Amino acid sequence: MEALAIVLLIIVSILLITVVLLQSGRSAGLSGAISGGAEQLVGKQKARGLDAVLIRATVVLAVLFFVLTVTVAYFL
């Protein structure tokens, strides 16, 4: 059981890193910081398409990572 949890933790870690790196940045330098402030005041449309899938996958993988980390720590 311990080996299975460690292998799953490694797989989830690699997937989480990949999904986070695939997401587009919220701002692109100084111009993104300026327009980002305006988007917060006016409001920005919800993420669509691939961005929404990546956001949902990030949340699911982060929860799995947390649970697996606690499980591995319990076994060790």
PDB file of N, CA and C in Angstrom:
ATOM      1  N   MET A   1       0.833  -1.205   0.000  1.00  0.00           N
ATOM      2  CA  MET A   1       0.000   0.000   0.000  1.00  0.00           C
ATOM      3  C   MET A   1       0.867   1.255   0.000  1.00  0.00           C
ATOM      4  N   GLU A   2       1.970   1.188   0.755  1.00  0.00           N
ATOM      5  CA  GLU A   2       2.863   2.342   0.837  1.00  0.00           C
ATOM      6  C   GLU A   2       3.497   2.634  -0.518  1.00  0.00           C
ATOM      7  N   ALA A   3       3.936   1.600  -1.214  1.00  0.00           N
ATOM      8  CA  ALA A   3       4.569   1.782  -2.523  1.00  0.00           C
ATOM      9  C   ALA A   3       3.567   2.339  -3.538  1.00  0.00           C
ATOM     10  N   LEU A   4       2.343   1.870  -3.481  1.00  0.00           N
ATOM     11  CA  LEU A   4       1.305   2.367  -4.382  1.00  0.00           C
ATOM     12  C   LEU A   4       1.042   3.855  -4.148  1.00  0.00           C
ATOM     13  N   ALA A   5       0.986   4.257  -2.886  1.00  0.00           N
ATOM     14  CA  ALA A   5       0.749   5.666  -2.566  1.00  0.00           C
ATOM     15  C   ALA A   5       1.900   6.539  -3.051  1.00  0.00           C
ATOM     16  N   ILE A   6       3.140   6.041  -2.929  1.00  0.00           N
ATOM     17  CA  ILE A   6       4.295   6.815  -3.380  1.00  0.00           C
ATOM     18  C   ILE A   6       4.297   6.950  -4.899  1.00  0.00           C
ATOM     19  N   VAL A   7       3.989   5.864  -5.604  1.00  0.00           N
ATOM     20  CA  VAL A   7       3.946   5.914  -7.061  1.00  0.00           C
ATOM     21  C   VAL A   7       2.844   6.867  -7.526  1.00  0.00           C
ATOM     22  N   LEU A   8       1.671   6.801  -6.909  1.00  0.00           N
ATOM     23  CA  LEU A   8       0.580   7.713  -7.259  1.00  0.00           C
ATOM     24  C   LEU A   8       0.952   9.165  -6.962  1.00  0.00           C
ATOM     25  N   LEU A   9       1.669   9.388  -5.869  1.00  0.00           N
ATOM     26  CA  LEU A   9       2.099  10.744  -5.520  1.00  0.00           C
ATOM     27  C   LEU A   9       3.053  11.293  -6.575  1.00  0.00           C
ATOM     28  N   ILE A  10       3.953  10.467  -7.058  1.00  0.00           N
ATOM     29  CA  ILE A  10       4.894  10.910  -8.090  1.00  0.00           C
ATOM     30  C   ILE A  10       4.151  11.242  -9.380  1.00  0.00           C
ATOM     31  N   ILE A  11       3.212  10.387  -9.772  1.00  0.00           N
ATOM     32  CA  ILE A  11       2.444  10.623 -11.000  1.00  0.00           C
ATOM     33  C   ILE A  11       1.614  11.899 -10.887  1.00  0.00           C
ATOM     34  N   VAL A  12       0.927  12.078  -9.757  1.00  0.00           N
ATOM     35  CA  VAL A  12       0.106  13.280  -9.558  1.00  0.00           C
ATOM     36  C   VAL A  12       0.983  14.523  -9.517  1.00  0.00           C
ATOM     37  N   SER A  13       2.172  14.423  -8.929  1.00  0.00           N
ATOM     38  CA  SER A  13       3.079  15.575  -8.876  1.00  0.00           C
ATOM     39  C   SER A  13       3.497  16.016 -10.273  1.00  0.00           C
ATOM     40  N   ILE A  14       3.860  15.042 -11.114  1.00  0.00           N
ATOM     41  CA  ILE A  14       4.273  15.369 -12.486  1.00  0.00           C
ATOM     42  C   ILE A  14       3.106  15.969 -13.265  1.00  0.00           C
ATOM     43  N   LEU A  15       1.918  15.398 -13.108  1.00  0.00           N
ATOM     44  CA  LEU A  15       0.740  15.936 -13.793  1.00  0.00           C
ATOM     45  C   LEU A  15       0.406  17.346 -13.310  1.00  0.00           C
ATOM     46  N   LEU A  16       0.510  17.589 -12.015  1.00  0.00           N
ATOM     47  CA  LEU A  16       0.213  18.913 -11.467  1.00  0.00           C
ATOM     48  C   LEU A  16       1.189  19.958 -12.003  1.00  0.00           C
ATOM     49  N   ILE A  17       2.464  19.623 -12.051  1.00  0.00           N
ATOM     50  CA  ILE A  17       3.463  20.542 -12.600  1.00  0.00           C
ATOM     51  C   ILE A  17       3.152  20.850 -14.064  1.00  0.00           C
ATOM     52  N   THR A  18       2.808  19.810 -14.823  1.00  0.00           N
ATOM     53  CA  THR A  18       2.509  19.986 -16.240  1.00  0.00           C
ATOM     54  C   THR A  18       1.291  20.883 -16.451  1.00  0.00           C
ATOM     55  N   VAL A  19       0.239  20.639 -15.687  1.00  0.00           N
ATOM     56  CA  VAL A  19      -0.989  21.428 -15.847  1.00  0.00           C
ATOM     57  C   VAL A  19      -0.759  22.888 -15.470  1.00  0.00           C
ATOM     58  N   VAL A  20       0.003  23.120 -14.424  1.00  0.00           N
ATOM     59  CA  VAL A  20       0.278  24.498 -14.014  1.00  0.00           C
ATOM     60  C   VAL A  20       1.108  25.218 -15.076  1.00  0.00           C
ATOM     61  N   LEU A  21       2.076  24.517 -15.665  1.00  0.00           N
ATOM     62  CA  LEU A  21       2.900  25.152 -16.694  1.00  0.00           C
ATOM     63  C   LEU A  21       2.139  25.397 -17.987  1.00  0.00           C
ATOM     64  N   LEU A  22       1.098  24.623 -18.256  1.00  0.00           N
ATOM     65  CA  LEU A  22       0.303  24.809 -19.473  1.00  0.00           C
ATOM     66  C   LEU A  22      -0.654  25.995 -19.382  1.00  0.00           C
ATOM     67  N   GLN A  23      -0.951  26.451 -18.187  1.00  0.00           N
ATOM     68  CA  GLN A  23      -1.901  27.551 -18.031  1.00  0.00           C
ATOM     69  C   GLN A  23      -1.296  28.856 -18.504  1.00  0.00           C
ATOM     70  N   SER A  24      -2.138  29.685 -19.089  1.00  0.00           N
ATOM     71  CA  SER A  24      -1.661  30.989 -19.535  1.00  0.00           C
ATOM     72  C   SER A  24      -1.525  31.909 -18.324  1.00  0.00           C
ATOM     73  N   GLY A  25      -0.582  32.823 -18.413  1.00  0.00           N
ATOM     74  CA  GLY A  25      -0.350  33.747 -17.318  1.00  0.00           C
ATOM     75  C   GLY A  25      -1.485  34.736 -17.172  1.00  0.00           C
ATOM     76  N   ARG A  26      -1.670  35.263 -15.983  1.00  0.00           N
ATOM     77  CA  ARG A  26      -2.739  36.238 -15.752  1.00  0.00           C
ATOM     78  C   ARG A  26      -2.341  37.616 -16.255  1.00  0.00           C
ATOM     79  N   SER A  27      -1.050  37.873 -16.329  1.00  0.00           N
ATOM     80  CA  SER A  27      -0.611  39.172 -16.843  1.00  0.00           C
ATOM     81  C   SER A  27       0.660  38.956 -17.652  1.00  0.00           C
ATOM     82  N   ALA A  28       0.896  39.849 -18.568  1.00  0.00           N
ATOM     83  CA  ALA A  28       2.084  39.761 -19.411  1.00  0.00           C
ATOM     84  C   ALA A  28       2.931  41.001 -19.189  1.00  0.00           C
ATOM     85  N   GLY A  29       3.711  41.015 -18.146  1.00  0.00           N
ATOM     86  CA  GLY A  29       4.596  42.137 -17.866  1.00  0.00           C
ATOM     87  C   GLY A  29       3.863  43.341 -17.306  1.00  0.00           C
ATOM     88  N   LEU A  30       4.427  44.515 -17.548  1.00  0.00           N
ATOM     89  CA  LEU A  30       3.877  45.748 -16.998  1.00  0.00           C
ATOM     90  C   LEU A  30       2.525  46.091 -17.608  1.00  0.00           C
ATOM     91  N   SER A  31       2.366  45.859 -18.913  1.00  0.00           N
ATOM     92  CA  SER A  31       1.083  46.173 -19.544  1.00  0.00           C
ATOM     93  C   SER A  31      -0.014  45.253 -19.010  1.00  0.00           C
ATOM     94  N   GLY A  32       0.339  44.015 -18.707  1.00  0.00           N
ATOM     95  CA  GLY A  32      -0.636  43.104 -18.135  1.00  0.00           C
ATOM     96  C   GLY A  32      -1.022  43.487 -16.724  1.00  0.00           C
ATOM     97  N   ALA A  33      -0.069  44.066 -15.993  1.00  0.00           N
ATOM     98  CA  ALA A  33      -0.370  44.497 -14.632  1.00  0.00           C
ATOM     99  C   ALA A  33      -1.350  45.668 -14.642  1.00  0.00           C
ATOM    100  N   ILE A  34      -1.179  46.562 -15.605  1.00  0.00           N
ATOM    101  CA  ILE A  34      -2.071  47.718 -15.703  1.00  0.00           C
ATOM    102  C   ILE A  34      -3.471  47.277 -16.124  1.00  0.00           C
ATOM    103  N   SER A  35      -3.541  46.457 -17.164  1.00  0.00           N
ATOM    104  CA  SER A  35      -4.866  46.003 -17.616  1.00  0.00           C
ATOM    105  C   SER A  35      -5.474  45.027 -16.624  1.00  0.00           C
ATOM    106  N   GLY A  36      -4.637  44.314 -15.884  1.00  0.00           N
ATOM    107  CA  GLY A  36      -5.158  43.388 -14.874  1.00  0.00           C
ATOM    108  C   GLY A  36      -5.911  44.120 -13.781  1.00  0.00           C
ATOM    109  N   GLY A  37      -5.410  45.308 -13.402  1.00  0.00           N
ATOM    110  CA  GLY A  37      -6.114  46.106 -12.400  1.00  0.00           C
ATOM    111  C   GLY A  37      -7.449  46.587 -12.915  1.00  0.00           C
ATOM    112  N   ALA A  38      -7.496  46.944 -14.202  1.00  0.00           N
ATOM    113  CA  ALA A  38      -8.751  47.384 -14.795  1.00  0.00           C
ATOM    114  C   ALA A  38      -9.748  46.232 -14.881  1.00  0.00           C
ATOM    115  N   GLU A  39      -9.254  45.033 -15.160  1.00  0.00           N
ATOM    116  CA  GLU A  39     -10.149  43.881 -15.244  1.00  0.00           C
ATOM    117  C   GLU A  39     -10.766  43.562 -13.886  1.00  0.00           C
ATOM    118  N   GLN A  40     -10.017  43.807 -12.819  1.00  0.00           N
ATOM    119  CA  GLN A  40     -10.572  43.551 -11.492  1.00  0.00           C
ATOM    120  C   GLN A  40     -11.672  44.546 -11.155  1.00  0.00           C
ATOM    121  N   LEU A  41     -11.529  45.788 -11.613  1.00  0.00           N
ATOM    122  CA  LEU A  41     -12.549  46.792 -11.333  1.00  0.00           C
ATOM    123  C   LEU A  41     -13.796  46.564 -12.177  1.00  0.00           C
ATOM    124  N   VAL A  42     -13.605  46.330 -13.463  1.00  0.00           N
ATOM    125  CA  VAL A  42     -14.725  46.186 -14.385  1.00  0.00           C
ATOM    126  C   VAL A  42     -15.298  44.781 -14.327  1.00  0.00           C
ATOM    127  N   GLY A  43     -14.446  43.807 -14.143  1.00  0.00           N
ATOM    128  CA  GLY A  43     -14.873  42.412 -14.138  1.00  0.00           C
ATOM    129  C   GLY A  43     -14.422  41.726 -15.407  1.00  0.00           C
ATOM    130  N   LYS A  44     -13.995  40.508 -15.276  1.00  0.00           N
ATOM    131  CA  LYS A  44     -13.489  39.752 -16.408  1.00  0.00           C
ATOM    132  C   LYS A  44     -14.404  38.572 -16.651  1.00  0.00           C
ATOM    133  N   GLN A  45     -14.584  38.211 -17.911  1.00  0.00           N
ATOM    134  CA  GLN A  45     -15.412  37.059 -18.224  1.00  0.00           C
ATOM    135  C   GLN A  45     -14.759  35.795 -17.688  1.00  0.00           C
ATOM    136  N   LYS A  46     -15.579  34.814 -17.396  1.00  0.00           N
ATOM    137  CA  LYS A  46     -15.059  33.549 -16.896  1.00  0.00           C
ATOM    138  C   LYS A  46     -14.199  32.884 -17.959  1.00  0.00           C
ATOM    139  N   ALA A  47     -13.280  32.054 -17.476  1.00  0.00           N
ATOM    140  CA  ALA A  47     -12.401  31.337 -18.386  1.00  0.00           C
ATOM    141  C   ALA A  47     -13.212  30.374 -19.240  1.00  0.00           C
ATOM    142  N   ARG A  48     -12.823  30.259 -20.481  1.00  0.00           N
ATOM    143  CA  ARG A  48     -13.557  29.402 -21.411  1.00  0.00           C
ATOM    144  C   ARG A  48     -12.606  28.391 -22.028  1.00  0.00           C
ATOM    145  N   GLY A  49     -13.181  27.311 -22.490  1.00  0.00           N
ATOM    146  CA  GLY A  49     -12.435  26.324 -23.256  1.00  0.00           C
ATOM    147  C   GLY A  49     -11.336  25.651 -22.466  1.00  0.00           C
ATOM    148  N   LEU A  50     -10.147  25.685 -23.038  1.00  0.00           N
ATOM    149  CA  LEU A  50      -9.010  24.984 -22.458  1.00  0.00           C
ATOM    150  C   LEU A  50      -8.626  25.552 -21.098  1.00  0.00           C
ATOM    151  N   ASP A  51      -8.732  26.858 -20.926  1.00  0.00           N
ATOM    152  CA  ASP A  51      -8.396  27.464 -19.636  1.00  0.00           C
ATOM    153  C   ASP A  51      -9.276  26.924 -18.521  1.00  0.00           C
ATOM    154  N   ALA A  52     -10.566  26.757 -18.784  1.00  0.00           N
ATOM    155  CA  ALA A  52     -11.480  26.238 -17.765  1.00  0.00           C
ATOM    156  C   ALA A  52     -11.126  24.794 -17.410  1.00  0.00           C
ATOM    157  N   VAL A  53     -10.773  24.014 -18.406  1.00  0.00           N
ATOM    158  CA  VAL A  53     -10.397  22.620 -18.155  1.00  0.00           C
ATOM    159  C   VAL A  53      -9.112  22.567 -17.339  1.00  0.00           C
ATOM    160  N   LEU A  54      -8.151  23.410 -17.675  1.00  0.00           N
ATOM    161  CA  LEU A  54      -6.887  23.426 -16.942  1.00  0.00           C
ATOM    162  C   LEU A  54      -7.076  23.893 -15.497  1.00  0.00           C
ATOM    163  N   ILE A  55      -7.958  24.843 -15.292  1.00  0.00           N
ATOM    164  CA  ILE A  55      -8.219  25.312 -13.925  1.00  0.00           C
ATOM    165  C   ILE A  55      -8.857  24.204 -13.093  1.00  0.00           C
ATOM    166  N   ARG A  56      -9.832  23.528 -13.669  1.00  0.00           N
ATOM    167  CA  ARG A  56     -10.490  22.427 -12.954  1.00  0.00           C
ATOM    168  C   ARG A  56      -9.510  21.285 -12.685  1.00  0.00           C
ATOM    169  N   ALA A  57      -8.665  20.964 -13.666  1.00  0.00           N
ATOM    170  CA  ALA A  57      -7.677  19.900 -13.487  1.00  0.00           C
ATOM    171  C   ALA A  57      -6.671  20.276 -12.403  1.00  0.00           C
ATOM    172  N   THR A  58      -6.301  21.546 -12.327  1.00  0.00           N
ATOM    173  CA  THR A  58      -5.370  21.998 -11.291  1.00  0.00           C
ATOM    174  C   THR A  58      -5.961  21.804  -9.903  1.00  0.00           C
ATOM    175  N   VAL A  59      -7.219  22.148  -9.744  1.00  0.00           N
ATOM    176  CA  VAL A  59      -7.876  21.992  -8.442  1.00  0.00           C
ATOM    177  C   VAL A  59      -7.945  20.518  -8.041  1.00  0.00           C
ATOM    178  N   VAL A  60      -8.359  19.671  -8.981  1.00  0.00           N
ATOM    179  CA  VAL A  60      -8.485  18.242  -8.683  1.00  0.00           C
ATOM    180  C   VAL A  60      -7.121  17.645  -8.351  1.00  0.00           C
ATOM    181  N   LEU A  61      -6.114  17.967  -9.142  1.00  0.00           N
ATOM    182  CA  LEU A  61      -4.779  17.425  -8.894  1.00  0.00           C
ATOM    183  C   LEU A  61      -4.182  17.956  -7.594  1.00  0.00           C
ATOM    184  N   ALA A  62      -4.464  19.201  -7.251  1.00  0.00           N
ATOM    185  CA  ALA A  62      -3.957  19.761  -5.996  1.00  0.00           C
ATOM    186  C   ALA A  62      -4.569  19.047  -4.795  1.00  0.00           C
ATOM    187  N   VAL A  63      -5.860  18.758  -4.862  1.00  0.00           N
ATOM    188  CA  VAL A  63      -6.514  18.024  -3.765  1.00  0.00           C
ATOM    189  C   VAL A  63      -5.944  16.614  -3.664  1.00  0.00           C
ATOM    190  N   LEU A  64      -5.783  15.944  -4.811  1.00  0.00           N
ATOM    191  CA  LEU A  64      -5.186  14.605  -4.811  1.00  0.00           C
ATOM    192  C   LEU A  64      -3.767  14.633  -4.253  1.00  0.00           C
ATOM    193  N   PHE A  65      -2.998  15.656  -4.631  1.00  0.00           N
ATOM    194  CA  PHE A  65      -1.636  15.788  -4.128  1.00  0.00           C
ATOM    195  C   PHE A  65      -1.628  15.918  -2.610  1.00  0.00           C
ATOM    196  N   PHE A  66      -2.508  16.742  -2.084  1.00  0.00           N
ATOM    197  CA  PHE A  66      -2.580  16.938  -0.636  1.00  0.00           C
ATOM    198  C   PHE A  66      -2.949  15.636   0.073  1.00  0.00           C
ATOM    199  N   VAL A  67      -3.964  14.942  -0.428  1.00  0.00           N
ATOM    200  CA  VAL A  67      -4.414  13.702   0.206  1.00  0.00           C
ATOM    201  C   VAL A  67      -3.325  12.639   0.145  1.00  0.00           C
ATOM    202  N   LEU A  68      -2.685  12.502  -0.997  1.00  0.00           N
ATOM    203  CA  LEU A  68      -1.621  11.508  -1.134  1.00  0.00           C
ATOM    204  C   LEU A  68      -0.418  11.838  -0.273  1.00  0.00           C
ATOM    205  N   THR A  69      -0.099  13.120  -0.142  1.00  0.00           N
ATOM    206  CA  THR A  69       1.021  13.523   0.708  1.00  0.00           C
ATOM    207  C   THR A  69       0.753  13.159   2.164  1.00  0.00           C
ATOM    208  N   VAL A  70      -0.454  13.423   2.633  1.00  0.00           N
ATOM    209  CA  VAL A  70      -0.806  13.060   4.001  1.00  0.00           C
ATOM    210  C   VAL A  70      -0.785  11.545   4.169  1.00  0.00           C
ATOM    211  N   THR A  71      -1.249  10.811   3.163  1.00  0.00           N
ATOM    212  CA  THR A  71      -1.264   9.353   3.232  1.00  0.00           C
ATOM    213  C   THR A  71       0.156   8.793   3.297  1.00  0.00           C
ATOM    214  N   VAL A  72       1.042   9.293   2.457  1.00  0.00           N
ATOM    215  CA  VAL A  72       2.431   8.822   2.477  1.00  0.00           C
ATOM    216  C   VAL A  72       3.085   9.174   3.809  1.00  0.00           C
ATOM    217  N   ALA A  73       2.834  10.360   4.321  1.00  0.00           N
ATOM    218  CA  ALA A  73       3.403  10.755   5.607  1.00  0.00           C
ATOM    219  C   ALA A  73       2.891   9.852   6.727  1.00  0.00           C
ATOM    220  N   TYR A  74       1.649   9.420   6.643  1.00  0.00           N
ATOM    221  CA  TYR A  74       1.077   8.534   7.659  1.00  0.00           C
ATOM    222  C   TYR A  74       1.773   7.178   7.636  1.00  0.00           C
ATOM    223  N   PHE A  75       2.041   6.664   6.430  1.00  0.00           N
ATOM    224  CA  PHE A  75       2.674   5.350   6.312  1.00  0.00           C
ATOM    225  C   PHE A  75       4.135   5.382   6.725  1.00  0.00           C
ATOM    226  N   LEU A  76       4.803   6.488   6.504  1.00  0.00           N
ATOM    227  CA  LEU A  76       6.222   6.567   6.864  1.00  0.00           C
ATOM    228  C   LEU A  76       6.338   7.006   8.293  1.00  0.00           C
TER     229      LEU A  76
END
